[in-house]
């Protein structure tokens, strides 16, 4: 079990996923919180979880950091996805 961290600054907000993110790029994404705060564990240990499996495949191909700065949220179709914090657009 991973210790709770402070809620993400994006928790409860709708953000946009960067356009270059495979299969999710450009979509609005309603952030619930860090994956670790929701599940108590790392995405790397979420054996069999569909959202974690999809993220793991993208992680391997997109050279994402191997860390737990991973958000859980839903796209407008209502499906849950894991997105690394570096994959969201940050307003300038």
N, C-alpha and C. Protein backbone atom coordinates (compact mmCIF):
# COMPACT_ATOMS: atom_id res chain seq x y z
N UNK A 1 0.84 -1.18 0.00
CA UNK A 1 0.00 0.00 0.00
C UNK A 1 0.89 1.25 0.00
N UNK A 2 0.51 2.20 -0.80
CA UNK A 2 1.24 3.46 -0.91
C UNK A 2 0.55 4.51 -0.05
N UNK A 3 1.35 5.31 0.65
CA UNK A 3 0.78 6.36 1.50
C UNK A 3 0.01 7.37 0.66
N UNK A 4 -1.07 7.87 1.23
CA UNK A 4 -1.85 8.93 0.56
C UNK A 4 -0.96 10.15 0.36
N UNK A 5 -1.17 10.81 -0.75
CA UNK A 5 -0.48 12.06 -0.99
C UNK A 5 -1.52 13.17 -1.05
N UNK A 6 -1.08 14.39 -1.06
CA UNK A 6 -2.02 15.50 -1.18
C UNK A 6 -2.81 15.33 -2.47
N UNK A 7 -4.09 15.70 -2.47
CA UNK A 7 -4.86 15.59 -3.71
C UNK A 7 -4.17 16.37 -4.84
N UNK A 8 -4.33 15.86 -6.03
CA UNK A 8 -3.77 16.54 -7.19
C UNK A 8 -4.38 17.93 -7.33
N UNK A 9 -3.60 18.87 -7.82
CA UNK A 9 -4.14 20.21 -8.09
C UNK A 9 -5.21 20.16 -9.17
N UNK A 10 -5.26 19.07 -9.92
CA UNK A 10 -6.24 18.91 -11.00
C UNK A 10 -7.49 18.16 -10.55
N UNK A 11 -7.48 17.62 -9.33
CA UNK A 11 -8.63 16.83 -8.85
C UNK A 11 -9.91 17.65 -8.91
N UNK A 12 -10.94 17.05 -9.49
CA UNK A 12 -12.23 17.71 -9.60
C UNK A 12 -12.34 18.67 -10.77
N UNK A 13 -11.27 18.79 -11.55
CA UNK A 13 -11.27 19.72 -12.69
C UNK A 13 -11.30 18.95 -14.01
N UNK A 14 -11.76 19.63 -15.03
CA UNK A 14 -11.69 19.08 -16.38
C UNK A 14 -10.51 19.72 -17.09
N UNK A 15 -9.63 18.87 -17.60
CA UNK A 15 -8.44 19.32 -18.31
C UNK A 15 -8.48 18.75 -19.72
N UNK A 16 -7.56 19.15 -20.54
CA UNK A 16 -7.45 18.62 -21.90
C UNK A 16 -6.20 17.77 -22.00
N UNK A 17 -6.35 16.59 -22.58
CA UNK A 17 -5.20 15.71 -22.80
C UNK A 17 -4.44 16.24 -24.02
N UNK A 18 -3.12 16.28 -23.92
CA UNK A 18 -2.29 16.78 -25.02
C UNK A 18 -2.62 16.06 -26.33
N UNK A 19 -2.59 16.78 -27.42
CA UNK A 19 -2.97 16.26 -28.73
C UNK A 19 -2.11 15.07 -29.18
N UNK A 20 -0.88 14.98 -28.71
CA UNK A 20 0.02 13.91 -29.16
C UNK A 20 -0.11 12.61 -28.37
N UNK A 21 -1.05 12.53 -27.44
CA UNK A 21 -1.24 11.32 -26.64
C UNK A 21 -2.08 10.32 -27.43
N UNK A 22 -1.51 9.15 -27.68
CA UNK A 22 -2.18 8.13 -28.49
C UNK A 22 -3.56 7.78 -27.94
N UNK A 23 -4.53 7.75 -28.82
CA UNK A 23 -5.91 7.33 -28.56
C UNK A 23 -6.72 8.26 -27.66
N UNK A 24 -6.08 9.18 -26.97
CA UNK A 24 -6.80 10.07 -26.05
C UNK A 24 -6.57 11.55 -26.36
N UNK A 25 -5.64 11.83 -27.23
CA UNK A 25 -5.23 13.20 -27.50
C UNK A 25 -6.36 14.14 -27.87
N UNK A 26 -6.35 15.31 -27.23
CA UNK A 26 -7.33 16.35 -27.51
C UNK A 26 -8.63 16.22 -26.76
N UNK A 27 -8.82 15.12 -26.05
CA UNK A 27 -10.08 14.91 -25.33
C UNK A 27 -10.10 15.65 -24.00
N UNK A 28 -11.31 16.03 -23.59
CA UNK A 28 -11.48 16.57 -22.25
C UNK A 28 -11.46 15.41 -21.28
N UNK A 29 -10.91 15.66 -20.10
CA UNK A 29 -10.65 14.60 -19.12
C UNK A 29 -10.99 15.16 -17.74
N UNK A 30 -11.97 14.55 -17.09
CA UNK A 30 -12.38 14.97 -15.75
C UNK A 30 -11.56 14.20 -14.74
N UNK A 31 -10.65 14.88 -14.06
CA UNK A 31 -9.71 14.25 -13.13
C UNK A 31 -10.40 13.98 -11.80
N UNK A 32 -10.28 12.73 -11.33
CA UNK A 32 -10.76 12.41 -9.98
C UNK A 32 -9.65 12.69 -8.97
N UNK A 33 -8.47 12.10 -9.17
CA UNK A 33 -7.32 12.32 -8.28
C UNK A 33 -6.18 11.44 -8.76
N UNK A 34 -5.10 11.46 -7.97
CA UNK A 34 -3.99 10.54 -8.24
C UNK A 34 -4.51 9.10 -8.15
N UNK A 35 -4.03 8.25 -9.02
CA UNK A 35 -4.41 6.83 -8.99
C UNK A 35 -4.07 6.23 -7.62
N UNK A 36 -2.93 6.59 -7.05
CA UNK A 36 -2.54 6.03 -5.76
C UNK A 36 -3.50 6.42 -4.65
N UNK A 37 -4.07 7.61 -4.70
CA UNK A 37 -5.04 8.02 -3.68
C UNK A 37 -6.36 7.28 -3.83
N UNK A 38 -6.71 6.93 -5.05
CA UNK A 38 -7.98 6.25 -5.29
C UNK A 38 -7.89 4.77 -4.93
N UNK A 39 -6.77 4.14 -5.30
CA UNK A 39 -6.67 2.69 -5.12
C UNK A 39 -5.78 2.26 -3.96
N UNK A 40 -4.92 3.16 -3.50
CA UNK A 40 -3.98 2.80 -2.44
C UNK A 40 -2.74 2.09 -2.96
N UNK A 41 -2.63 1.94 -4.28
CA UNK A 41 -1.49 1.25 -4.85
C UNK A 41 -1.04 1.88 -6.15
N UNK A 42 0.07 1.39 -6.64
CA UNK A 42 0.64 1.87 -7.89
C UNK A 42 -0.08 1.29 -9.09
N UNK A 43 -0.09 2.03 -10.19
CA UNK A 43 -0.63 1.50 -11.44
C UNK A 43 0.16 0.28 -11.87
N UNK A 44 1.44 0.21 -11.48
CA UNK A 44 2.31 -0.91 -11.86
C UNK A 44 1.90 -2.21 -11.18
N UNK A 45 1.11 -2.12 -10.12
CA UNK A 45 0.67 -3.31 -9.38
C UNK A 45 -0.81 -3.61 -9.59
N UNK A 46 -1.46 -2.88 -10.48
CA UNK A 46 -2.91 -3.02 -10.69
C UNK A 46 -3.20 -4.13 -11.70
N UNK A 47 -2.78 -5.32 -11.37
CA UNK A 47 -2.91 -6.47 -12.26
C UNK A 47 -4.35 -6.68 -12.70
N UNK A 48 -4.55 -6.72 -14.01
CA UNK A 48 -5.86 -7.01 -14.56
C UNK A 48 -6.80 -5.83 -14.67
N UNK A 49 -6.43 -4.68 -14.14
CA UNK A 49 -7.30 -3.51 -14.24
C UNK A 49 -7.23 -2.96 -15.66
N UNK A 50 -8.37 -2.84 -16.36
CA UNK A 50 -8.34 -2.41 -17.76
C UNK A 50 -7.68 -1.04 -17.98
N UNK A 51 -7.97 -0.08 -17.12
CA UNK A 51 -7.38 1.25 -17.28
C UNK A 51 -5.87 1.20 -17.09
N UNK A 52 -5.42 0.42 -16.11
CA UNK A 52 -3.98 0.29 -15.85
C UNK A 52 -3.29 -0.46 -16.98
N UNK A 53 -3.94 -1.45 -17.54
CA UNK A 53 -3.36 -2.19 -18.67
C UNK A 53 -3.21 -1.29 -19.89
N UNK A 54 -4.22 -0.49 -20.16
CA UNK A 54 -4.16 0.43 -21.29
C UNK A 54 -3.04 1.46 -21.08
N UNK A 55 -2.94 1.97 -19.86
CA UNK A 55 -1.88 2.93 -19.56
C UNK A 55 -0.51 2.28 -19.70
N UNK A 56 -0.36 1.05 -19.21
CA UNK A 56 0.93 0.35 -19.30
C UNK A 56 1.38 0.19 -20.75
N UNK A 57 0.44 -0.10 -21.64
CA UNK A 57 0.78 -0.22 -23.06
C UNK A 57 1.24 1.12 -23.62
N UNK A 58 0.55 2.20 -23.27
CA UNK A 58 0.93 3.53 -23.73
C UNK A 58 2.26 3.94 -23.11
N UNK A 59 2.44 3.63 -21.84
CA UNK A 59 3.68 3.95 -21.13
C UNK A 59 4.88 3.33 -21.85
N UNK A 60 4.74 2.08 -22.26
CA UNK A 60 5.84 1.37 -22.91
C UNK A 60 6.18 1.98 -24.27
N UNK A 61 5.18 2.44 -24.99
CA UNK A 61 5.40 2.99 -26.34
C UNK A 61 5.74 4.48 -26.33
N UNK A 62 5.29 5.20 -25.32
CA UNK A 62 5.44 6.66 -25.31
C UNK A 62 6.61 7.15 -24.46
N UNK A 63 7.35 6.22 -23.88
CA UNK A 63 8.50 6.59 -23.05
C UNK A 63 8.11 7.54 -21.92
N UNK A 64 7.01 7.20 -21.24
CA UNK A 64 6.56 7.99 -20.10
C UNK A 64 7.41 7.67 -18.87
N UNK A 65 7.49 8.57 -17.91
CA UNK A 65 8.27 8.30 -16.70
C UNK A 65 7.73 7.10 -15.92
N UNK A 66 8.64 6.38 -15.28
CA UNK A 66 8.26 5.26 -14.43
C UNK A 66 8.08 5.79 -13.02
N UNK A 67 6.92 6.39 -12.78
CA UNK A 67 6.61 6.93 -11.47
C UNK A 67 5.11 6.85 -11.22
N UNK A 68 4.67 7.38 -10.13
CA UNK A 68 3.25 7.33 -9.78
C UNK A 68 2.57 8.69 -9.90
N UNK A 69 3.09 9.55 -10.76
CA UNK A 69 2.43 10.83 -11.03
C UNK A 69 1.35 10.62 -12.09
N UNK A 70 0.47 9.69 -11.77
CA UNK A 70 -0.55 9.21 -12.71
C UNK A 70 -1.93 9.54 -12.15
N UNK A 71 -2.72 10.18 -12.98
CA UNK A 71 -4.07 10.60 -12.61
C UNK A 71 -5.09 9.58 -13.08
N UNK A 72 -6.20 9.49 -12.35
CA UNK A 72 -7.34 8.71 -12.81
C UNK A 72 -8.47 9.69 -13.08
N UNK A 73 -9.14 9.50 -14.19
CA UNK A 73 -10.27 10.34 -14.52
C UNK A 73 -11.06 9.72 -15.65
N UNK A 74 -12.03 10.47 -16.14
CA UNK A 74 -12.91 9.96 -17.20
C UNK A 74 -12.97 10.94 -18.35
N UNK A 75 -13.03 10.38 -19.55
CA UNK A 75 -13.24 11.18 -20.74
C UNK A 75 -14.74 11.37 -20.92
N UNK A 76 -15.12 12.15 -21.90
CA UNK A 76 -16.54 12.50 -22.09
C UNK A 76 -17.42 11.30 -22.40
N UNK A 77 -16.83 10.18 -22.83
CA UNK A 77 -17.62 8.98 -23.08
C UNK A 77 -17.91 8.20 -21.80
N UNK A 78 -17.40 8.70 -20.67
CA UNK A 78 -17.65 8.07 -19.38
C UNK A 78 -16.67 6.97 -19.01
N UNK A 79 -15.71 6.69 -19.88
CA UNK A 79 -14.74 5.64 -19.59
C UNK A 79 -13.58 6.18 -18.76
N UNK A 80 -13.11 5.35 -17.82
CA UNK A 80 -12.00 5.73 -16.96
C UNK A 80 -10.66 5.44 -17.61
N UNK A 81 -9.72 6.36 -17.43
CA UNK A 81 -8.38 6.23 -18.00
C UNK A 81 -7.35 6.73 -17.01
N UNK A 82 -6.16 6.17 -17.12
CA UNK A 82 -5.00 6.69 -16.39
C UNK A 82 -4.21 7.56 -17.35
N UNK A 83 -3.79 8.71 -16.87
CA UNK A 83 -3.04 9.66 -17.68
C UNK A 83 -1.90 10.20 -16.82
N UNK A 84 -0.69 10.18 -17.35
CA UNK A 84 0.43 10.76 -16.62
C UNK A 84 0.24 12.27 -16.60
N UNK A 85 0.61 12.89 -15.51
CA UNK A 85 0.43 14.34 -15.37
C UNK A 85 1.11 15.11 -16.51
N UNK A 86 2.16 14.55 -17.07
CA UNK A 86 2.85 15.21 -18.19
C UNK A 86 2.06 15.14 -19.49
N UNK A 87 0.98 14.35 -19.52
CA UNK A 87 0.19 14.20 -20.74
C UNK A 87 -1.00 15.17 -20.81
N UNK A 88 -1.12 16.03 -19.83
CA UNK A 88 -2.23 17.00 -19.88
C UNK A 88 -1.70 18.37 -20.26
N UNK A 89 -2.55 19.13 -20.94
CA UNK A 89 -2.17 20.48 -21.33
C UNK A 89 -2.18 21.38 -20.10
N UNK A 90 -1.17 22.21 -20.01
CA UNK A 90 -1.09 23.17 -18.92
C UNK A 90 -1.27 24.55 -19.53
N UNK A 91 -2.30 25.28 -19.10
CA UNK A 91 -2.51 26.61 -19.66
C UNK A 91 -1.29 27.50 -19.45
N UNK A 92 -0.98 28.30 -20.45
CA UNK A 92 0.20 29.18 -20.32
C UNK A 92 -0.19 30.56 -19.85
